[in-house]
Protein backbone atom coordinates (compact mmCIF):
# COMPACT_ATOMS: atom_id res chain seq x y z
CA MET A 1 -9.70 -3.78 1.09
CA ILE A 2 -10.29 -3.06 -2.58
CA ARG A 3 -13.86 -4.36 -2.30
CA SER A 4 -14.73 -1.91 0.49
CA VAL A 5 -13.77 1.23 -1.47
CA PRO A 6 -16.77 1.06 -3.85
CA MET A 7 -19.09 0.46 -0.89
CA LEU A 8 -17.77 3.51 0.94
CA ALA A 9 -18.08 5.58 -2.21
CA ALA A 10 -21.64 4.39 -2.70
CA LEU A 11 -22.59 5.28 0.88
CA PHE A 12 -21.06 8.74 0.51
CA LEU A 13 -22.78 9.41 -2.80
CA ALA A 14 -26.10 8.14 -1.48
CA GLY A 15 -26.00 10.71 1.32
CA SER A 16 -25.77 8.07 4.06
CA PHE A 17 -22.47 9.44 5.25
CA SER A 18 -22.14 11.66 8.29
CA ALA A 19 -18.91 12.84 9.85
CA THR A 20 -18.09 12.37 13.52
CA ALA A 21 -15.46 14.26 15.54
CA ALA A 22 -13.89 13.14 18.81
CA LEU A 23 -14.19 15.08 22.06
CA GLY A 24 -12.49 18.46 21.79
CA ALA A 25 -11.36 17.76 18.24
CA ASP A 26 -11.92 20.01 15.27
CA SER A 27 -14.34 19.29 12.46
CA ASP A 28 -14.57 20.92 9.05
CA VAL A 29 -17.46 21.79 6.76
CA ALA A 30 -16.74 22.82 3.17
CA ILE A 31 -18.92 25.31 1.33
CA LYS A 32 -18.73 24.27 -2.29
CA THR A 33 -21.09 24.63 -5.26
CA PHE A 34 -23.82 26.13 -3.07
CA GLN A 35 -23.75 23.27 -0.53
CA PHE A 36 -22.47 22.62 2.98
CA LYS A 37 -20.51 19.33 2.99
CA PRO A 38 -20.78 17.13 4.90
CA THR A 39 -24.13 17.58 6.56
CA PRO A 40 -25.24 16.53 8.99
CA ILE A 41 -22.17 16.08 11.12
CA GLU A 42 -22.07 14.64 14.61
CA VAL A 43 -19.54 15.97 17.12
CA LYS A 44 -18.83 15.76 20.82
CA ALA A 45 -19.45 18.78 23.05
CA GLY A 46 -16.39 21.03 22.99
CA THR A 47 -15.69 20.52 19.29
CA ARG A 48 -14.74 23.49 17.16
CA VAL A 49 -16.37 23.37 13.73
CA THR A 50 -14.77 25.37 10.93
CA TRP A 51 -16.61 26.28 7.74
CA ALA A 52 -14.39 27.03 4.71
CA ASN A 53 -15.72 28.77 1.61
CA ALA A 54 -14.47 27.08 -1.58
CA ASP A 55 -16.73 29.15 -3.85
CA ASP A 56 -15.74 32.42 -5.49
CA ILE A 57 -18.80 34.24 -4.11
CA THR A 58 -19.91 35.36 -0.65
CA HIS A 59 -21.85 32.94 1.52
CA THR A 60 -22.82 33.23 5.18
CA VAL A 61 -22.95 30.79 8.05
CA THR A 62 -26.07 31.83 9.95
CA SER A 63 -27.44 29.86 12.91
CA GLY A 64 -31.02 28.66 12.94
CA THR A 65 -33.23 28.63 9.86
CA PRO A 66 -34.40 31.46 7.59
CA GLU A 67 -37.76 31.20 9.35
CA ASN A 68 -36.30 31.07 12.87
CA ARG A 69 -32.84 32.62 13.33
CA ASP A 70 -31.41 31.91 16.76
CA GLY A 71 -28.72 34.62 16.90
CA GLN A 72 -25.76 32.42 17.89
CA PHE A 73 -23.74 33.34 14.80
CA ASN A 74 -24.14 35.11 11.47
CA THR A 75 -20.85 35.44 9.66
CA PRO A 76 -20.17 36.37 6.03
CA LEU A 77 -17.49 34.42 4.18
CA PRO A 78 -16.63 36.74 1.29
CA GLY A 79 -15.12 34.35 -1.22
CA LYS A 80 -12.74 31.46 -1.66
CA GLY A 81 -10.45 30.68 1.25
CA THR A 82 -12.37 32.51 3.98
CA THR A 83 -13.28 30.59 7.13
CA PHE A 84 -15.38 30.82 10.27
CA SER A 85 -15.10 28.68 13.41
CA PHE A 86 -17.52 28.07 16.27
CA THR A 87 -17.14 25.82 19.31
CA PHE A 88 -20.24 23.82 20.24
CA SER A 89 -20.11 23.43 24.02
CA ARG A 90 -23.58 21.96 24.72
CA ALA A 91 -25.38 18.88 23.46
CA GLY A 92 -28.21 19.45 20.99
CA THR A 93 -29.06 19.78 17.34
CA TYR A 94 -27.96 23.00 15.67
CA THR A 95 -29.21 24.08 12.27
CA TYR A 96 -27.58 26.69 10.06
CA PHE A 97 -27.98 28.17 6.58
CA CYS A 98 -26.61 30.71 4.11
CA ASP A 99 -28.50 33.99 4.41
CA ARG A 100 -27.77 34.85 0.76
CA HIS A 101 -28.80 31.43 -0.57
CA GLN A 102 -31.42 30.19 1.88
CA SER A 103 -31.79 26.76 0.30
CA MET A 104 -28.25 26.04 1.54
CA ARG A 105 -28.78 24.41 4.93
CA GLY A 106 -26.80 22.25 7.31
CA GLU A 107 -26.99 20.60 10.70
CA ILE A 108 -24.60 19.91 13.57
CA ARG A 109 -25.53 17.20 16.09
CA VAL A 110 -23.66 17.66 19.36
CA LYS A 111 -23.54 14.70 21.76
């Protein structure tokens, strides 16, 4: 077991890690140091994803991309400890970003 810990850490640090949630389960995305973590995540249809702001400043969770907003959600998270949840009921790939810091982007893959 001790040998597998460095391998898991290496995969996570290399960005090869993606989170998966079971059917109807909840999944969390942290907003920390101007990044959504983890991203991408893969969830089953019916999963509620909750974004939690760990930064001291306001971020948003806005669906789509800065170039092509899709209007599903656009919620400000005004500082540390604020959260927003959204249930993904249909299969597909959903992109999102922070409207204040448009280089912050994430993706939800719903199966």
